[in-house]
């Protein structure tokens, strides 16, 4: 049986490791919305119904692993994480959590959104890791997006919730 297809988004050029840490950590908060927006693999190895994105739930056969957090000053290239640094290879940051996208228009919109988020992170985030509670919240949001897709409810800073809604 074939694995669900994913879409990876590369944004760059990033050549400075501290900037890369800011981009990776700043983009991590947006992993769950990207999972929710693209969740379209509800069937996996004859199972269905539990997840909207079995591809992400199964870690895409180790191609989309839960996010690691970068530390400024000690950041290095990674492989397989949700937001992946490719500085040594292609000077890009790669977002690896999207299920396959069937519309070129949607793909262009996702790329533009990812580029905007990464640019904002490079310019405005301090790059510091979120801490244990912040990381746990990122992982809970990732799971919610995997399980519920666009119907997921996310928390931010433990203080408020965000819900994506589908419209025609």
C-alpha atoms as a PDB file:
ATOM      1  CA  UNK A   1       0.000   0.000   0.000  1.00  0.00           C
ATOM      2  CA  UNK A   2       1.276   3.474  -0.893  1.00  0.00           C
ATOM      3  CA  UNK A   3       1.946   6.147   1.697  1.00  0.00           C
ATOM      4  CA  UNK A   4      -0.060   9.391   1.627  1.00  0.00           C
ATOM      5  CA  UNK A   5       1.637  12.098  -0.416  1.00  0.00           C
ATOM      6  CA  UNK A   6       3.053  15.187   1.262  1.00  0.00           C
ATOM      7  CA  UNK A   7       4.010  18.643   0.082  1.00  0.00           C
ATOM      8  CA  UNK A   8       7.170  20.329   1.319  1.00  0.00           C
ATOM      9  CA  UNK A   9       7.650  24.091   1.090  1.00  0.00           C
ATOM     10  CA  UNK A  10      11.184  25.503   0.817  1.00  0.00           C
ATOM     11  CA  UNK A  11      11.717  29.162   1.672  1.00  0.00           C
ATOM     12  CA  UNK A  12      15.098  30.858   1.551  1.00  0.00           C
ATOM     13  CA  UNK A  13      17.821  32.044   1.221  1.00  0.00           C
ATOM     14  CA  UNK A  14      19.031  31.843   4.842  1.00  0.00           C
ATOM     15  CA  UNK A  15      22.771  31.656   5.481  1.00  0.00           C
ATOM     16  CA  UNK A  16      23.093  32.770   9.102  1.00  0.00           C
ATOM     17  CA  UNK A  17      22.532  30.134  11.795  1.00  0.00           C
ATOM     18  CA  UNK A  18      21.087  32.584  14.335  1.00  0.00           C
ATOM     19  CA  UNK A  19      18.564  33.797  11.750  1.00  0.00           C
ATOM     20  CA  UNK A  20      17.792  30.147  10.971  1.00  0.00           C
ATOM     21  CA  UNK A  21      17.098  29.491  14.672  1.00  0.00           C
ATOM     22  CA  UNK A  22      14.701  32.462  14.764  1.00  0.00           C
ATOM     23  CA  UNK A  23      12.934  31.230  11.634  1.00  0.00           C
ATOM     24  CA  UNK A  24      12.692  27.628  12.851  1.00  0.00           C
ATOM     25  CA  UNK A  25      11.423  28.519  16.325  1.00  0.00           C
ATOM     26  CA  UNK A  26       9.130  31.290  15.076  1.00  0.00           C
ATOM     27  CA  UNK A  27       7.598  29.062  12.414  1.00  0.00           C
ATOM     28  CA  UNK A  28       7.024  26.154  14.821  1.00  0.00           C
ATOM     29  CA  UNK A  29       3.940  27.886  16.238  1.00  0.00           C
ATOM     30  CA  UNK A  30       2.335  27.719  12.768  1.00  0.00           C
ATOM     31  CA  UNK A  31       2.895  24.010  12.142  1.00  0.00           C
ATOM     32  CA  UNK A  32      -0.552  23.061  13.465  1.00  0.00           C
ATOM     33  CA  UNK A  33      -2.472  25.505  11.224  1.00  0.00           C
ATOM     34  CA  UNK A  34      -0.560  24.218   8.174  1.00  0.00           C
ATOM     35  CA  UNK A  35      -1.428  20.640   9.136  1.00  0.00           C
ATOM     36  CA  UNK A  36      -5.092  21.620   9.562  1.00  0.00           C
ATOM     37  CA  UNK A  37      -5.252  23.568   6.290  1.00  0.00           C
ATOM     38  CA  UNK A  38      -3.891  20.669   4.247  1.00  0.00           C
ATOM     39  CA  UNK A  39      -5.188  17.612   6.148  1.00  0.00           C
ATOM     40  CA  UNK A  40      -6.468  15.251   3.460  1.00  0.00           C
ATOM     41  CA  UNK A  41      -5.193  11.780   4.280  1.00  0.00           C
ATOM     42  CA  UNK A  42      -8.029  10.259   6.358  1.00  0.00           C
ATOM     43  CA  UNK A  43      -7.182   6.693   5.294  1.00  0.00           C
ATOM     44  CA  UNK A  44      -3.920   4.911   6.078  1.00  0.00           C
ATOM     45  CA  UNK A  45      -3.104   1.197   5.870  1.00  0.00           C
ATOM     46  CA  UNK A  46      -6.770   0.217   5.840  1.00  0.00           C
ATOM     47  CA  UNK A  47      -7.562   2.439   8.826  1.00  0.00           C
ATOM     48  CA  UNK A  48      -9.871   5.413   8.630  1.00  0.00           C
ATOM     49  CA  UNK A  49     -11.884   7.788  10.736  1.00  0.00           C
ATOM     50  CA  UNK A  50      -9.552   8.593  13.585  1.00  0.00           C
ATOM     51  CA  UNK A  51      -7.373  11.273  11.946  1.00  0.00           C
ATOM     52  CA  UNK A  52      -7.835  13.866   9.228  1.00  0.00           C
ATOM     53  CA  UNK A  53      -4.112  13.502   8.452  1.00  0.00           C
ATOM     54  CA  UNK A  54      -2.861   9.968   8.942  1.00  0.00           C
ATOM     55  CA  UNK A  55       0.268  11.083   7.075  1.00  0.00           C
ATOM     56  CA  UNK A  56       1.259  13.438   9.896  1.00  0.00           C
ATOM     57  CA  UNK A  57      -0.087  11.091  12.598  1.00  0.00           C
ATOM     58  CA  UNK A  58       2.259   8.375  11.311  1.00  0.00           C
ATOM     59  CA  UNK A  59       5.106  10.912  11.063  1.00  0.00           C
ATOM     60  CA  UNK A  60       5.039  10.385   7.291  1.00  0.00           C
ATOM     61  CA  UNK A  61       7.243   7.337   7.698  1.00  0.00           C
ATOM     62  CA  UNK A  62       9.819   9.509   9.546  1.00  0.00           C
ATOM     63  CA  UNK A  63       9.715  12.382   7.042  1.00  0.00           C
ATOM     64  CA  UNK A  64       7.712  14.734   9.269  1.00  0.00           C
ATOM     65  CA  UNK A  65       8.760  14.320  12.869  1.00  0.00           C
ATOM     66  CA  UNK A  66       7.561  16.549  15.711  1.00  0.00           C
ATOM     67  CA  UNK A  67       9.475  19.780  15.849  1.00  0.00           C
ATOM     68  CA  UNK A  68      12.814  20.123  17.551  1.00  0.00           C
ATOM     69  CA  UNK A  69      13.647  23.538  18.951  1.00  0.00           C
ATOM     70  CA  UNK A  70      16.771  25.366  17.808  1.00  0.00           C
ATOM     71  CA  UNK A  71      19.095  27.176  20.203  1.00  0.00           C
ATOM     72  CA  UNK A  72      20.703  30.329  18.833  1.00  0.00           C
ATOM     73  CA  UNK A  73      24.467  29.860  18.700  1.00  0.00           C
ATOM     74  CA  UNK A  74      24.281  26.064  18.497  1.00  0.00           C
ATOM     75  CA  UNK A  75      21.879  25.486  15.622  1.00  0.00           C
ATOM     76  CA  UNK A  76      22.708  22.874  12.999  1.00  0.00           C
ATOM     77  CA  UNK A  77      21.078  21.324   9.963  1.00  0.00           C
ATOM     78  CA  UNK A  78      18.262  18.930  10.696  1.00  0.00           C
ATOM     79  CA  UNK A  79      16.388  16.351   8.681  1.00  0.00           C
ATOM     80  CA  UNK A  80      12.857  15.132   8.970  1.00  0.00           C
ATOM     81  CA  UNK A  81      11.443  17.642  11.442  1.00  0.00           C
ATOM     82  CA  UNK A  82       8.328  19.714  10.783  1.00  0.00           C
ATOM     83  CA  UNK A  83      10.402  22.850  10.137  1.00  0.00           C
ATOM     84  CA  UNK A  84      13.692  21.693   8.706  1.00  0.00           C
ATOM     85  CA  UNK A  85      16.910  23.691   8.295  1.00  0.00           C
ATOM     86  CA  UNK A  86      18.695  23.051   4.991  1.00  0.00           C
ATOM     87  CA  UNK A  87      21.486  25.602   5.312  1.00  0.00           C
ATOM     88  CA  UNK A  88      24.376  23.296   4.468  1.00  0.00           C
ATOM     89  CA  UNK A  89      22.601  21.949   1.393  1.00  0.00           C
ATOM     90  CA  UNK A  90      20.462  24.676  -0.139  1.00  0.00           C
ATOM     91  CA  UNK A  91      20.245  27.641   2.272  1.00  0.00           C
ATOM     92  CA  UNK A  92      16.519  27.184   2.786  1.00  0.00           C
ATOM     93  CA  UNK A  93      14.111  26.452   5.594  1.00  0.00           C
ATOM     94  CA  UNK A  94      11.687  23.667   4.733  1.00  0.00           C
ATOM     95  CA  UNK A  95       8.148  23.206   6.056  1.00  0.00           C
ATOM     96  CA  UNK A  96       7.390  19.462   5.874  1.00  0.00           C
ATOM     97  CA  UNK A  97       3.939  19.037   7.443  1.00  0.00           C
ATOM     98  CA  UNK A  98       1.542  19.590   4.555  1.00  0.00           C
ATOM     99  CA  UNK A  99      -0.430  16.722   3.082  1.00  0.00           C
ATOM    100  CA  UNK A 100      -0.433  16.633  -0.712  1.00  0.00           C
ATOM    101  CA  UNK A 101      -2.204  19.630  -2.194  1.00  0.00           C
ATOM    102  CA  UNK A 102      -4.369  19.086  -5.276  1.00  0.00           C
ATOM    103  CA  UNK A 103      -4.830  22.725  -6.262  1.00  0.00           C
ATOM    104  CA  UNK A 104      -1.953  24.801  -7.644  1.00  0.00           C
ATOM    105  CA  UNK A 105      -3.716  27.939  -6.405  1.00  0.00           C
ATOM    106  CA  UNK A 106      -3.878  26.592  -2.843  1.00  0.00           C
ATOM    107  CA  UNK A 107      -0.223  25.550  -3.058  1.00  0.00           C
ATOM    108  CA  UNK A 108       0.770  29.069  -4.147  1.00  0.00           C
ATOM    109  CA  UNK A 109      -1.240  30.536  -1.269  1.00  0.00           C
ATOM    110  CA  UNK A 110       0.420  28.161   1.226  1.00  0.00           C
ATOM    111  CA  UNK A 111       3.873  29.062  -0.098  1.00  0.00           C
ATOM    112  CA  UNK A 112       3.096  32.787   0.220  1.00  0.00           C
ATOM    113  CA  UNK A 113       1.787  32.277   3.759  1.00  0.00           C
ATOM    114  CA  UNK A 114       4.844  30.234   4.760  1.00  0.00           C
ATOM    115  CA  UNK A 115       7.208  32.829   3.259  1.00  0.00           C
ATOM    116  CA  UNK A 116       5.440  35.630   5.136  1.00  0.00           C
ATOM    117  CA  UNK A 117       5.562  33.759   8.439  1.00  0.00           C
ATOM    118  CA  UNK A 118       9.235  32.908   7.983  1.00  0.00           C
ATOM    119  CA  UNK A 119      10.114  36.482   7.003  1.00  0.00           C
ATOM    120  CA  UNK A 120       8.299  37.794  10.082  1.00  0.00           C
ATOM    121  CA  UNK A 121      10.124  35.249  12.274  1.00  0.00           C
ATOM    122  CA  UNK A 122      13.497  36.257  10.818  1.00  0.00           C
ATOM    123  CA  UNK A 123      12.836  39.947  11.437  1.00  0.00           C
ATOM    124  CA  UNK A 124      10.893  39.965  14.702  1.00  0.00           C
ATOM    125  CA  UNK A 125      11.339  36.767  16.737  1.00  0.00           C
ATOM    126  CA  UNK A 126      14.100  36.528  19.314  1.00  0.00           C
ATOM    127  CA  UNK A 127      14.746  32.874  18.428  1.00  0.00           C
ATOM    128  CA  UNK A 128      14.651  31.682  22.003  1.00  0.00           C
ATOM    129  CA  UNK A 129      13.204  28.215  22.557  1.00  0.00           C
ATOM    130  CA  UNK A 130       9.630  28.238  23.927  1.00  0.00           C
ATOM    131  CA  UNK A 131      10.396  26.250  27.087  1.00  0.00           C
ATOM    132  CA  UNK A 132       8.792  23.002  28.200  1.00  0.00           C
ATOM    133  CA  UNK A 133       5.240  24.353  28.523  1.00  0.00           C
ATOM    134  CA  UNK A 134       5.396  26.159  25.182  1.00  0.00           C
ATOM    135  CA  UNK A 135       6.793  23.077  23.457  1.00  0.00           C
ATOM    136  CA  UNK A 136       4.071  20.884  24.982  1.00  0.00           C
ATOM    137  CA  UNK A 137       1.466  23.337  23.670  1.00  0.00           C
ATOM    138  CA  UNK A 138       2.974  23.156  20.164  1.00  0.00           C
ATOM    139  CA  UNK A 139       2.755  19.355  20.271  1.00  0.00           C
ATOM    140  CA  UNK A 140      -0.847  19.398  21.543  1.00  0.00           C
ATOM    141  CA  UNK A 141      -1.834  21.798  18.753  1.00  0.00           C
ATOM    142  CA  UNK A 142      -0.057  19.590  16.189  1.00  0.00           C
ATOM    143  CA  UNK A 143      -2.010  16.568  17.440  1.00  0.00           C
ATOM    144  CA  UNK A 144      -5.322  18.479  17.371  1.00  0.00           C
ATOM    145  CA  UNK A 145      -4.697  19.514  13.762  1.00  0.00           C
ATOM    146  CA  UNK A 146      -3.792  15.939  12.823  1.00  0.00           C
ATOM    147  CA  UNK A 147      -6.903  14.577  14.507  1.00  0.00           C
ATOM    148  CA  UNK A 148      -9.502  17.220  13.586  1.00  0.00           C
ATOM    149  CA  UNK A 149      -8.178  19.102  10.537  1.00  0.00           C
ATOM    150  CA  UNK A 150     -10.023  22.390  10.004  1.00  0.00           C
ATOM    151  CA  UNK A 151     -12.309  21.649  12.961  1.00  0.00           C
ATOM    152  CA  UNK A 152      -9.331  21.767  15.366  1.00  0.00           C
ATOM    153  CA  UNK A 153      -9.146  24.289  18.180  1.00  0.00           C
ATOM    154  CA  UNK A 154      -5.674  25.580  19.074  1.00  0.00           C
ATOM    155  CA  UNK A 155      -4.307  27.264  22.163  1.00  0.00           C
ATOM    156  CA  UNK A 156      -1.690  30.001  22.182  1.00  0.00           C
ATOM    157  CA  UNK A 157       0.351  30.912  25.245  1.00  0.00           C
ATOM    158  CA  UNK A 158      -2.153  28.878  27.251  1.00  0.00           C
ATOM    159  CA  UNK A 159      -4.477  31.876  27.303  1.00  0.00           C
ATOM    160  CA  UNK A 160      -6.764  31.836  24.280  1.00  0.00           C
ATOM    161  CA  UNK A 161      -8.041  29.521  21.617  1.00  0.00           C
ATOM    162  CA  UNK A 162      -8.076  29.852  17.868  1.00  0.00           C
ATOM    163  CA  UNK A 163     -10.327  27.927  15.565  1.00  0.00           C
ATOM    164  CA  UNK A 164      -9.899  27.776  11.816  1.00  0.00           C
ATOM    165  CA  UNK A 165     -13.123  27.684   9.863  1.00  0.00           C
ATOM    166  CA  UNK A 166     -13.696  26.513   6.321  1.00  0.00           C
ATOM    167  CA  UNK A 167     -15.557  28.742   3.893  1.00  0.00           C
ATOM    168  CA  UNK A 168     -16.534  28.400   0.265  1.00  0.00           C
END
